[in-house]
N, C-alpha and C. Protein backbone atom coordinates (compact mmCIF):
# COMPACT_ATOMS: atom_id res chain seq x y z
N UNK A 1 28.44 4.78 2.82
CA UNK A 1 28.63 3.99 4.40
C UNK A 1 27.33 4.85 4.78
N UNK A 2 27.14 5.99 5.05
CA UNK A 2 25.54 6.55 5.67
C UNK A 2 24.57 6.50 4.34
N UNK A 3 24.93 6.28 2.97
CA UNK A 3 23.47 6.16 2.34
C UNK A 3 23.22 4.92 2.44
N UNK A 4 24.04 3.37 2.47
CA UNK A 4 23.31 2.63 3.37
C UNK A 4 22.91 2.08 4.31
N UNK A 5 22.87 3.13 5.16
CA UNK A 5 22.88 3.33 7.03
C UNK A 5 21.14 4.20 6.40
N UNK A 6 21.07 4.65 5.53
CA UNK A 6 20.04 5.89 5.20
C UNK A 6 19.00 4.64 4.27
N UNK A 7 19.29 3.89 3.89
CA UNK A 7 18.57 2.93 3.14
C UNK A 7 17.87 1.56 3.70
N UNK A 8 18.95 1.41 4.52
CA UNK A 8 18.61 0.53 5.83
C UNK A 8 17.30 1.11 6.99
N UNK A 9 17.45 2.48 6.96
CA UNK A 9 16.33 3.18 7.81
C UNK A 9 15.07 3.17 7.34
N UNK A 10 15.33 3.46 5.82
CA UNK A 10 14.62 3.60 5.09
C UNK A 10 12.93 2.78 4.95
N UNK A 11 13.51 1.26 5.27
CA UNK A 11 12.98 -0.19 5.18
C UNK A 11 12.87 -0.21 6.94
N UNK A 12 13.31 0.05 7.19
CA UNK A 12 12.64 0.07 9.09
C UNK A 12 11.02 1.30 9.45
N UNK A 13 11.16 1.97 8.64
CA UNK A 13 10.49 3.23 8.88
C UNK A 13 8.98 2.69 7.89
N UNK A 14 9.39 2.53 6.88
CA UNK A 14 8.41 1.78 5.98
C UNK A 14 7.46 0.47 6.86
N UNK A 15 8.64 -0.18 7.75
CA UNK A 15 7.83 -1.17 8.03
C UNK A 15 7.30 -0.97 9.60
N UNK A 16 7.38 0.03 10.00
CA UNK A 16 6.85 1.15 10.75
C UNK A 16 5.47 1.80 10.75
N UNK A 17 5.56 2.15 9.54
CA UNK A 17 4.20 2.85 8.41
C UNK A 17 3.12 2.14 8.62
N UNK A 18 3.89 0.38 8.68
CA UNK A 18 3.16 -0.77 7.85
C UNK A 18 2.46 -0.96 9.31
N UNK A 19 3.15 -1.01 10.26
CA UNK A 19 2.20 -1.40 11.41
C UNK A 19 1.06 -0.33 12.04
N UNK A 20 1.65 0.90 11.48
CA UNK A 20 0.40 2.08 11.71
C UNK A 20 -0.71 1.94 11.11
N UNK A 21 -0.50 1.28 9.87
CA UNK A 21 -1.64 1.66 9.09
C UNK A 21 -2.44 0.64 9.18
N UNK A 22 -1.82 -0.94 9.79
CA UNK A 22 -2.65 -1.82 10.09
C UNK A 22 -3.61 -1.51 11.39
N UNK A 23 -2.89 -0.54 12.04
CA UNK A 23 -3.43 -0.75 13.86
C UNK A 23 -4.25 0.36 13.24
N UNK A 24 -4.36 1.17 12.38
CA UNK A 24 -5.64 1.75 12.72
C UNK A 24 -6.51 1.49 11.27
N UNK A 25 -6.20 0.99 10.34
CA UNK A 25 -7.45 -0.08 9.89
C UNK A 25 -7.77 -0.54 10.77
N UNK A 26 -7.69 -0.95 11.42
CA UNK A 26 -8.52 -2.69 12.01
C UNK A 26 -8.76 -2.39 13.20
N UNK A 27 -8.37 -0.96 13.78
CA UNK A 27 -9.57 -0.06 14.95
C UNK A 27 -10.06 0.65 14.58
N UNK A 28 -9.86 1.78 14.46
CA UNK A 28 -10.37 3.27 14.63
C UNK A 28 -12.04 3.01 13.35
N UNK A 29 -11.53 2.31 11.78
CA UNK A 29 -12.32 2.74 10.38
C UNK A 29 -13.08 0.73 10.57
N UNK A 30 -13.16 0.53 12.00
CA UNK A 30 -13.93 -0.20 12.39
C UNK A 30 -15.25 -0.14 12.66
N UNK A 31 -15.68 0.89 12.84
CA UNK A 31 -16.68 1.79 13.94
C UNK A 31 -17.89 1.99 12.47
N UNK A 32 -19.31 2.06 13.18
CA UNK A 32 -19.81 2.44 12.09
C UNK A 32 -19.67 3.32 11.20
N UNK A 33 -19.60 5.15 11.87
CA UNK A 33 -19.91 6.01 10.63
C UNK A 33 -18.78 6.13 9.82
N UNK A 34 -17.05 5.42 10.51
CA UNK A 34 -16.23 5.41 9.69
C UNK A 34 -15.83 4.57 8.80
N UNK A 35 -16.33 2.92 8.56
CA UNK A 35 -16.16 2.24 7.93
C UNK A 35 -17.01 2.07 6.54
N UNK A 36 -17.15 3.30 6.12
CA UNK A 36 -17.52 3.55 5.43
C UNK A 36 -16.78 4.42 4.29
N UNK A 37 -15.67 4.77 4.98
CA UNK A 37 -14.26 5.68 4.07
C UNK A 37 -13.10 5.20 4.32
N UNK A 38 -13.20 3.80 4.72
CA UNK A 38 -12.20 2.97 5.49
C UNK A 38 -11.26 3.01 4.84
N UNK A 39 -9.93 3.46 4.43
CA UNK A 39 -9.13 3.50 3.24
C UNK A 39 -8.02 2.32 3.22
N UNK A 40 -7.77 2.04 2.20
CA UNK A 40 -6.69 1.17 1.80
C UNK A 40 -5.64 1.25 1.90
N UNK A 41 -4.71 2.14 2.86
CA UNK A 41 -3.18 2.38 2.29
C UNK A 41 -1.72 1.97 2.23
N UNK A 42 -2.47 0.23 2.64
CA UNK A 42 -1.42 -0.61 2.33
C UNK A 42 -1.32 -0.63 0.95
N UNK A 43 -2.46 -0.77 0.20
CA UNK A 43 -2.56 -1.08 -1.33
C UNK A 43 -2.20 0.23 -1.83
N UNK A 44 -2.16 1.40 -1.34
CA UNK A 44 -1.74 2.52 -2.31
C UNK A 44 0.10 2.24 -1.85
N UNK A 45 0.59 1.71 -0.63
CA UNK A 45 1.98 1.61 -0.55
C UNK A 45 2.18 1.12 -1.52
N UNK A 46 1.30 -0.64 -1.48
CA UNK A 46 1.76 -1.72 -2.74
C UNK A 46 2.21 -1.15 -4.29
N UNK A 47 1.01 0.13 -4.53
CA UNK A 47 1.28 0.24 -5.91
C UNK A 47 2.67 1.21 -5.71
N UNK A 48 3.23 1.87 -4.59
CA UNK A 48 3.87 2.87 -4.87
C UNK A 48 5.35 1.46 -4.67
N UNK A 49 5.21 0.67 -4.26
CA UNK A 49 6.28 0.20 -4.41
C UNK A 49 6.82 -0.70 -5.53
N UNK A 50 5.57 -0.87 -6.24
CA UNK A 50 5.56 -1.72 -7.32
C UNK A 50 6.47 -0.29 -8.60
N UNK A 51 5.36 1.00 -8.10
CA UNK A 51 6.63 1.28 -9.01
C UNK A 51 8.18 2.30 -8.92
N UNK A 52 8.26 1.68 -7.35
CA UNK A 52 9.79 2.51 -7.48
C UNK A 52 10.62 1.33 -6.80
N UNK A 53 10.28 0.58 -6.38
CA UNK A 53 11.06 -0.53 -5.81
C UNK A 53 11.80 -1.62 -6.81
N UNK A 54 12.85 -2.55 -6.59
CA UNK A 54 12.79 -3.89 -7.92
C UNK A 54 11.77 -4.92 -6.79
N UNK A 55 11.98 -6.15 -7.39
CA UNK A 55 10.78 -7.19 -7.19
C UNK A 55 11.34 -7.26 -5.93
N UNK A 56 12.33 -8.20 -4.92
CA UNK A 56 12.82 -8.72 -4.06
C UNK A 56 12.70 -7.75 -3.13
N UNK A 57 12.95 -6.61 -2.81
CA UNK A 57 12.98 -5.45 -1.77
C UNK A 57 11.56 -5.26 -1.77
N UNK A 58 11.22 -5.08 -2.64
CA UNK A 58 9.49 -4.61 -2.60
C UNK A 58 8.75 -5.49 -2.54
N UNK A 59 9.03 -6.89 -3.01
CA UNK A 59 7.97 -7.75 -2.18
C UNK A 59 8.13 -8.28 -1.14
N UNK A 60 9.10 -8.24 -0.74
CA UNK A 60 9.49 -9.33 0.88
C UNK A 60 8.94 -8.15 1.70
N UNK A 61 8.76 -6.07 1.32
CA UNK A 61 7.85 -5.41 2.40
C UNK A 61 6.81 -6.04 2.08
N UNK A 62 6.39 -6.00 1.21
CA UNK A 62 4.70 -5.78 0.82
C UNK A 62 4.51 -7.68 1.70
N UNK A 63 5.01 -8.48 1.45
CA UNK A 63 5.18 -9.51 2.75
C UNK A 63 4.85 -9.94 3.53
N UNK A 64 5.60 -8.98 4.22
CA UNK A 64 5.99 -8.55 6.10
C UNK A 64 4.56 -7.52 6.23
N UNK A 65 4.78 -6.66 5.47
CA UNK A 65 3.31 -6.15 5.64
C UNK A 65 2.21 -6.50 5.86
N UNK A 66 1.36 -7.52 4.61
CA UNK A 66 0.58 -7.59 4.60
C UNK A 66 0.42 -8.97 5.57
N UNK A 67 1.45 -9.88 6.17
CA UNK A 67 1.70 -10.39 7.24
C UNK A 67 0.86 -9.78 8.38
N UNK A 68 1.24 -8.51 8.43
CA UNK A 68 1.33 -7.86 9.90
C UNK A 68 -0.44 -7.56 9.93
N UNK A 69 -0.66 -6.98 8.83
CA UNK A 69 -2.26 -6.59 8.39
C UNK A 69 -2.93 -7.84 8.97
N UNK A 70 -2.69 -9.25 8.41
CA UNK A 70 -3.50 -10.62 8.64
C UNK A 70 -3.77 -10.72 10.04
N UNK A 71 -2.63 -10.49 11.16
CA UNK A 71 -2.39 -10.14 12.57
C UNK A 71 -3.52 -9.65 13.44
N UNK A 72 -3.94 -8.63 12.49
CA UNK A 72 -5.01 -7.41 13.19
C UNK A 72 -6.12 -8.07 12.51
N UNK A 73 -6.55 -8.95 11.57
CA UNK A 73 -7.87 -8.74 10.88
C UNK A 73 -8.52 -9.80 11.08
N UNK A 74 -9.44 -9.79 10.54
CA UNK A 74 -9.98 -11.58 11.02
C UNK A 74 -10.32 -11.97 9.38
N UNK A 75 -10.07 -11.32 8.39
CA UNK A 75 -9.56 -11.89 7.04
C UNK A 75 -9.16 -13.39 6.71
N UNK A 76 -10.06 -14.03 5.87
CA UNK A 76 -9.09 -15.47 5.29
C UNK A 76 -7.64 -15.57 5.64
N UNK A 77 -7.24 -16.67 5.60
CA UNK A 77 -5.87 -17.22 5.77
C UNK A 77 -4.72 -16.53 4.80
N UNK A 78 -4.10 -16.10 4.68
CA UNK A 78 -3.46 -15.06 3.51
C UNK A 78 -4.29 -14.72 2.20
N UNK A 79 -5.38 -13.98 2.38
CA UNK A 79 -5.69 -13.10 1.49
C UNK A 79 -5.23 -11.86 1.27
N UNK A 80 -4.77 -11.15 2.34
CA UNK A 80 -4.06 -9.64 2.51
C UNK A 80 -3.14 -10.17 1.85
N UNK A 81 -2.64 -11.52 1.72
CA UNK A 81 -0.72 -11.62 1.26
C UNK A 81 -0.84 -11.98 0.03
N UNK A 82 -2.26 -12.74 -0.60
CA UNK A 82 -1.84 -12.59 -2.33
C UNK A 82 -2.74 -11.43 -2.81
N UNK A 83 -3.38 -10.37 -2.28
CA UNK A 83 -4.28 -9.04 -2.43
C UNK A 83 -3.34 -7.72 -3.21
N UNK A 84 -2.29 -8.19 -1.75
CA UNK A 84 -1.34 -7.28 -1.89
C UNK A 84 -0.06 -7.31 -2.64
N UNK A 85 0.25 -8.56 -2.77
CA UNK A 85 1.28 -9.05 -3.70
C UNK A 85 1.12 -9.20 -4.80
N UNK A 86 -0.30 -9.34 -5.15
CA UNK A 86 -0.76 -9.63 -6.64
C UNK A 86 -0.81 -8.03 -6.90
N UNK A 87 -1.55 -6.85 -6.46
CA UNK A 87 -1.21 -5.34 -6.36
C UNK A 87 0.47 -5.08 -6.91
N UNK A 88 1.42 -5.27 -6.15
CA UNK A 88 2.60 -4.97 -6.07
C UNK A 88 3.06 -5.32 -7.56
N UNK A 89 2.91 -6.46 -7.37
CA UNK A 89 3.09 -7.07 -8.97
C UNK A 89 2.52 -6.67 -10.32
N UNK A 90 0.96 -6.34 -10.33
CA UNK A 90 0.40 -5.83 -11.01
C UNK A 90 0.68 -4.19 -11.42
N UNK A 91 1.48 -3.40 -10.32
CA UNK A 91 1.77 -1.82 -10.33
C UNK A 91 3.28 -1.95 -11.00
N UNK A 92 3.83 -3.07 -10.79
CA UNK A 92 5.55 -3.14 -11.32
C UNK A 92 5.38 -3.85 -12.52
N UNK A 93 4.60 -4.72 -13.51
CA UNK A 93 4.42 -4.92 -14.78
C UNK A 93 4.21 -3.71 -15.27
N UNK A 94 3.02 -3.17 -15.27
CA UNK A 94 2.30 -1.77 -15.49
C UNK A 94 3.46 -0.70 -15.72
N UNK A 95 4.67 -0.43 -15.11
CA UNK A 95 5.42 0.37 -15.00
C UNK A 95 6.51 -0.15 -15.53
N UNK A 96 6.66 -0.74 -15.76
CA UNK A 96 7.49 -1.62 -16.63
C UNK A 96 7.37 -1.88 -18.16
N UNK A 97 6.08 -1.48 -18.32
CA UNK A 97 5.38 -2.43 -19.81
C UNK A 97 4.38 -1.17 -20.52
N UNK A 98 3.57 -0.52 -19.77
CA UNK A 98 2.26 0.46 -20.42
C UNK A 98 2.42 1.50 -20.04
N UNK A 99 2.48 2.12 -18.97
CA UNK A 99 1.74 3.50 -17.87
C UNK A 99 3.58 3.57 -17.63
N UNK A 100 3.35 5.01 -18.22
CA UNK A 100 4.39 5.92 -17.18
C UNK A 100 3.91 6.23 -15.96
N UNK A 101 4.71 5.92 -14.58
CA UNK A 101 4.41 6.29 -13.10
C UNK A 101 4.04 7.93 -13.11
N UNK A 102 2.48 7.88 -13.16
CA UNK A 102 2.44 9.97 -13.08
C UNK A 102 1.44 9.57 -12.33
N UNK A 103 0.70 11.13 -11.82
CA UNK A 103 0.24 11.20 -10.93
C UNK A 103 -1.26 10.61 -11.24
N UNK A 104 -2.04 10.61 -12.60
CA UNK A 104 -3.22 10.34 -12.72
C UNK A 104 -3.07 8.32 -13.49
N UNK A 105 -1.77 7.77 -13.28
CA UNK A 105 -2.11 6.74 -13.24
C UNK A 105 -1.76 6.37 -12.49
N UNK A 106 -1.33 6.74 -11.43
CA UNK A 106 -1.16 6.31 -9.86
C UNK A 106 -2.79 5.74 -9.52
N UNK A 107 -3.48 7.09 -9.50
CA UNK A 107 -4.41 7.06 -8.57
C UNK A 107 -5.77 6.26 -10.15
N UNK A 108 -5.29 6.41 -11.08
CA UNK A 108 -6.23 5.33 -11.94
C UNK A 108 -5.72 3.36 -11.60
N UNK A 109 -4.66 2.95 -11.47
CA UNK A 109 -4.43 1.53 -11.16
C UNK A 109 -4.72 1.72 -9.92
N UNK A 110 -4.48 2.71 -8.60
CA UNK A 110 -4.89 2.14 -7.25
C UNK A 110 -6.50 1.97 -7.07
N UNK A 111 -7.28 2.53 -8.19
CA UNK A 111 -8.91 2.51 -7.95
C UNK A 111 -9.20 1.44 -8.64
N UNK A 112 -8.38 0.61 -9.61
CA UNK A 112 -9.16 0.08 -10.52
C UNK A 112 -8.62 -1.48 -9.18
N UNK A 113 -7.22 -1.64 -8.39
CA UNK A 113 -6.87 -2.54 -8.10
C UNK A 113 -7.73 -2.71 -6.68
N UNK A 114 -8.89 -1.47 -6.29
CA UNK A 114 -9.28 -1.27 -5.36
C UNK A 114 -10.48 -1.89 -5.96
N UNK A 115 -11.03 -1.13 -6.82
CA UNK A 115 -12.22 -1.99 -7.62
C UNK A 115 -12.31 -4.09 -7.37
N UNK A 116 -10.80 -4.43 -8.10
CA UNK A 116 -11.10 -5.63 -8.07
C UNK A 116 -11.04 -6.27 -6.67
N UNK A 117 -9.96 -5.63 -5.62
CA UNK A 117 -10.42 -5.77 -4.45
C UNK A 117 -11.57 -6.55 -3.88
N UNK A 118 -12.64 -5.74 -4.22
CA UNK A 118 -13.84 -5.91 -4.01
C UNK A 118 -14.47 -6.46 -4.45
N UNK A 119 -14.00 -6.62 -5.63
CA UNK A 119 -14.76 -7.84 -6.68
C UNK A 119 -14.49 -9.29 -5.56
N UNK A 120 -12.99 -9.14 -5.66
CA UNK A 120 -12.75 -10.55 -4.82
C UNK A 120 -13.30 -10.72 -3.47
N UNK A 121 -13.38 -9.87 -3.29
CA UNK A 121 -14.78 -10.32 -1.92
C UNK A 121 -15.67 -10.63 -2.10
N UNK A 122 -16.26 -9.97 -2.74
CA UNK A 122 -18.08 -10.78 -3.46
C UNK A 122 -17.47 -11.86 -3.53
N UNK A 123 -16.69 -11.88 -4.49
CA UNK A 123 -16.14 -13.56 -4.69
C UNK A 123 -16.47 -15.10 -4.10
N UNK A 124 -15.88 -14.34 -3.28
CA UNK A 124 -14.85 -15.42 -1.94
C UNK A 124 -16.11 -15.53 -1.28
N UNK A 125 -17.09 -14.28 -0.76
CA UNK A 125 -18.52 -14.37 -0.11
C UNK A 125 -19.45 -15.14 -0.72
N UNK A 126 -19.14 -15.42 -2.09
CA UNK A 126 -20.25 -15.85 -2.99
C UNK A 126 -19.89 -17.52 -3.15
N UNK A 127 -18.91 -17.94 -3.06
CA UNK A 127 -18.43 -19.21 -2.84
C UNK A 127 -18.82 -20.12 -1.34
N UNK A 128 -18.68 -19.15 -0.43
CA UNK A 128 -19.28 -19.59 0.86
C UNK A 128 -20.70 -19.58 0.97
N UNK A 129 -21.36 -19.17 0.07
CA UNK A 129 -23.04 -19.25 0.23
C UNK A 129 -23.19 -17.49 0.69
N UNK A 130 -22.84 -16.58 0.79
CA UNK A 130 -23.33 -15.62 1.24
C UNK A 130 -23.54 -14.38 0.42
N UNK A 131 -23.98 -14.98 -0.97
CA UNK A 131 -23.70 -14.18 -2.16
C UNK A 131 -24.43 -12.85 -1.56
N UNK A 132 -25.78 -12.99 -0.93
CA UNK A 132 -26.82 -11.29 -0.79
C UNK A 132 -26.12 -10.59 -0.05
N UNK A 133 -25.56 -11.33 0.63
CA UNK A 133 -25.17 -10.12 1.68
C UNK A 133 -24.06 -9.67 1.66
N UNK A 134 -22.93 -10.67 0.24
CA UNK A 134 -21.76 -10.10 -0.48
C UNK A 134 -21.98 -8.72 -1.05
N UNK A 135 -22.73 -8.85 -2.23
CA UNK A 135 -23.42 -8.01 -3.07
C UNK A 135 -24.01 -6.49 -2.23
N UNK A 136 -25.11 -6.77 -1.45
CA UNK A 136 -25.47 -5.50 -0.17
C UNK A 136 -24.08 -5.29 0.02
N UNK A 137 -23.26 -5.32 0.64
CA UNK A 137 -21.78 -4.79 0.98
C UNK A 137 -21.28 -4.25 0.38
N UNK A 138 -21.01 -4.94 -1.25
CA UNK A 138 -20.33 -4.40 -2.53
C UNK A 138 -20.77 -3.02 -3.04
N UNK A 139 -22.34 -3.14 -3.15
CA UNK A 139 -22.99 -1.40 -3.53
C UNK A 139 -23.01 -0.90 -1.98
N UNK A 140 -22.83 -1.02 -0.87
CA UNK A 140 -22.77 -0.37 -0.02
C UNK A 140 -21.54 0.58 0.13
N UNK A 141 -20.13 -0.16 -0.12
CA UNK A 141 -19.06 0.30 0.62
C UNK A 141 -18.14 0.63 -0.83
N UNK A 142 -18.45 0.11 -2.31
CA UNK A 142 -18.15 0.81 -3.42
C UNK A 142 -17.60 1.82 -3.77
N UNK A 143 -18.47 2.87 -3.82
CA UNK A 143 -18.54 4.14 -4.20
C UNK A 143 -17.59 5.19 -3.10
N UNK A 144 -17.83 4.99 -1.71
CA UNK A 144 -17.39 5.96 -1.02
C UNK A 144 -15.78 5.12 -0.85
N UNK A 145 -15.57 3.73 -0.66
CA UNK A 145 -13.94 3.37 -0.75
C UNK A 145 -13.30 3.71 -1.86
N UNK A 146 -13.78 3.79 -2.99
CA UNK A 146 -13.17 3.91 -4.34
C UNK A 146 -12.76 5.12 -4.29
N UNK A 147 -13.76 6.72 -3.85
CA UNK A 147 -13.73 7.78 -3.16
C UNK A 147 -12.09 8.20 -2.20
N UNK A 148 -12.33 7.13 -1.75
CA UNK A 148 -11.51 7.83 0.11
C UNK A 148 -9.99 7.35 -0.76
N UNK A 149 -9.95 6.12 -1.65
CA UNK A 149 -8.94 5.70 -2.18
C UNK A 149 -8.29 7.03 -3.51
N UNK A 150 -9.28 7.46 -4.23
CA UNK A 150 -8.80 8.16 -5.28
C UNK A 150 -8.05 9.78 -4.72
N UNK A 151 -8.55 9.84 -3.39
CA UNK A 151 -8.04 11.06 -3.00
C UNK A 151 -7.08 10.71 -1.86
N UNK A 152 -6.87 9.55 -1.68
CA UNK A 152 -5.61 9.39 -0.56
C UNK A 152 -4.28 9.23 -1.51
N UNK A 153 -4.62 8.91 -2.73
CA UNK A 153 -3.67 8.27 -3.43
C UNK A 153 -2.33 10.27 -4.05
N UNK A 154 -3.07 10.44 -4.25
CA UNK A 154 -2.12 12.00 -4.30
C UNK A 154 -1.23 11.90 -3.12
N UNK A 155 -1.90 12.03 -1.93
CA UNK A 155 -1.10 12.42 -0.87
C UNK A 155 -0.24 11.74 -0.01
N UNK A 156 -0.63 10.30 0.22
CA UNK A 156 -0.02 9.35 0.01
C UNK A 156 1.29 9.07 -0.64
N UNK A 157 1.43 9.34 -2.16
CA UNK A 157 2.30 8.76 -2.94
C UNK A 157 3.40 10.18 -2.61
N UNK A 158 2.83 11.58 -2.41
CA UNK A 158 3.68 12.91 -1.95
C UNK A 158 4.46 12.54 -0.61
N UNK A 159 3.88 12.10 0.22
CA UNK A 159 4.96 11.63 1.66
C UNK A 159 5.97 10.90 1.46
N UNK A 160 4.83 9.32 1.01
CA UNK A 160 6.19 8.41 0.52
C UNK A 160 7.12 8.71 -0.25
N UNK A 161 7.24 9.48 -2.02
CA UNK A 161 7.80 10.15 -2.37
C UNK A 161 8.86 11.16 -1.42
N UNK A 162 8.90 12.05 -0.40
CA UNK A 162 9.34 13.27 0.12
C UNK A 162 10.27 12.04 0.94
N UNK A 163 9.96 10.88 1.97
CA UNK A 163 10.58 9.89 2.74
C UNK A 163 11.49 9.14 1.80
N UNK A 164 11.21 9.08 0.60
CA UNK A 164 11.88 8.37 -0.19
C UNK A 164 13.21 9.35 -0.50
N UNK A 165 13.06 10.80 -1.05
CA UNK A 165 13.56 11.50 -1.27
C UNK A 165 15.35 11.94 -0.21
N UNK A 166 14.82 11.45 0.79
CA UNK A 166 15.52 11.56 2.52
C UNK A 166 15.84 10.66 2.67
N UNK A 167 15.93 9.62 2.48
CA UNK A 167 16.54 8.19 2.87
C UNK A 167 16.83 7.92 2.32
N UNK A 168 16.34 7.42 0.98
CA UNK A 168 16.72 6.04 -0.17
C UNK A 168 17.32 6.43 -1.28
N UNK A 169 17.44 7.49 -1.75
CA UNK A 169 17.84 8.03 -2.88
C UNK A 169 18.80 9.78 -2.49
N UNK A 170 18.97 9.48 -1.46
CA UNK A 170 19.49 10.84 -1.21
C UNK A 170 21.05 10.91 -1.56
N UNK A 171 20.87 12.13 -3.04
CA UNK A 171 21.93 11.87 -3.64
C UNK A 171 23.34 12.61 -2.80
N UNK A 172 23.04 13.00 -2.08
CA UNK A 172 23.94 13.96 -1.40
C UNK A 172 24.45 13.51 0.05
N UNK A 173 23.96 12.03 0.51
CA UNK A 173 24.60 11.48 1.54
C UNK A 173 25.46 11.87 1.71
N UNK A 174 26.39 10.94 1.17
CA UNK A 174 28.40 10.94 1.59
C UNK A 174 28.60 12.51 2.03
N UNK A 175 27.97 13.59 1.06
CA UNK A 175 28.24 14.84 1.58
C UNK A 175 27.99 15.25 2.95
N UNK A 176 26.68 15.52 2.50
CA UNK A 176 25.77 16.11 3.98
C UNK A 176 26.56 15.43 5.35
N UNK A 177 26.46 14.06 5.32
CA UNK A 177 26.74 13.40 6.34
C UNK A 177 28.33 12.85 7.12
N UNK A 178 29.26 13.30 6.21
CA UNK A 178 30.52 13.05 6.25
C UNK A 178 31.19 13.62 7.99
N UNK A 179 31.43 12.66 8.15
CA UNK A 179 31.59 12.93 9.71
C UNK A 179 33.44 13.84 9.69
N UNK A 180 34.07 12.85 8.88
CA UNK A 180 35.50 13.58 8.97
C UNK A 180 35.23 14.89 7.57
N UNK A 181 34.35 15.33 7.10
CA UNK A 181 34.18 16.65 6.55
C UNK A 181 34.73 17.95 7.01
N UNK A 182 34.25 17.89 8.26
CA UNK A 182 34.87 19.26 9.58
C UNK A 182 36.29 19.55 9.59
N UNK A 183 37.00 17.98 9.68
CA UNK A 183 38.18 18.58 10.05
C UNK A 183 39.32 18.26 9.01
């Protein structure tokens, strides 16, 4: 019983993490010196969910989190939904077929998906006739953005793993929290 409560609490905690991520990414990192180092923690979270959750639960979480981020941004309709669901599915497929989810593979996948996201933004700007500004933006923000993603991935993965171990995968949940154990 307590294991089910902790698993439901895990989903709620990750939803509040997505709210905090959307708020921080769209407010603090939107201003001049910090916009070069804007992290995309939701992308890291999408890869983590792709490694650790099944398609239904992880997909539902990523859909909700991307809708929250779209509500806080000025990006095109369903851009974040498409980007993060694609990232989630790529991580899910790679973890099942090709890659063993470990430290270096998670960094490589997040960096590659961050690069592809920036290429997608460049392609969208090119289709709108703003390719010159898109290339300039791509070249200026590419290296700092990828370095921030590579530095944050192990840190975020360790935080998310600790949260999962405490709430989602707590093997002693029935023993530790048994109310009737003391009687």
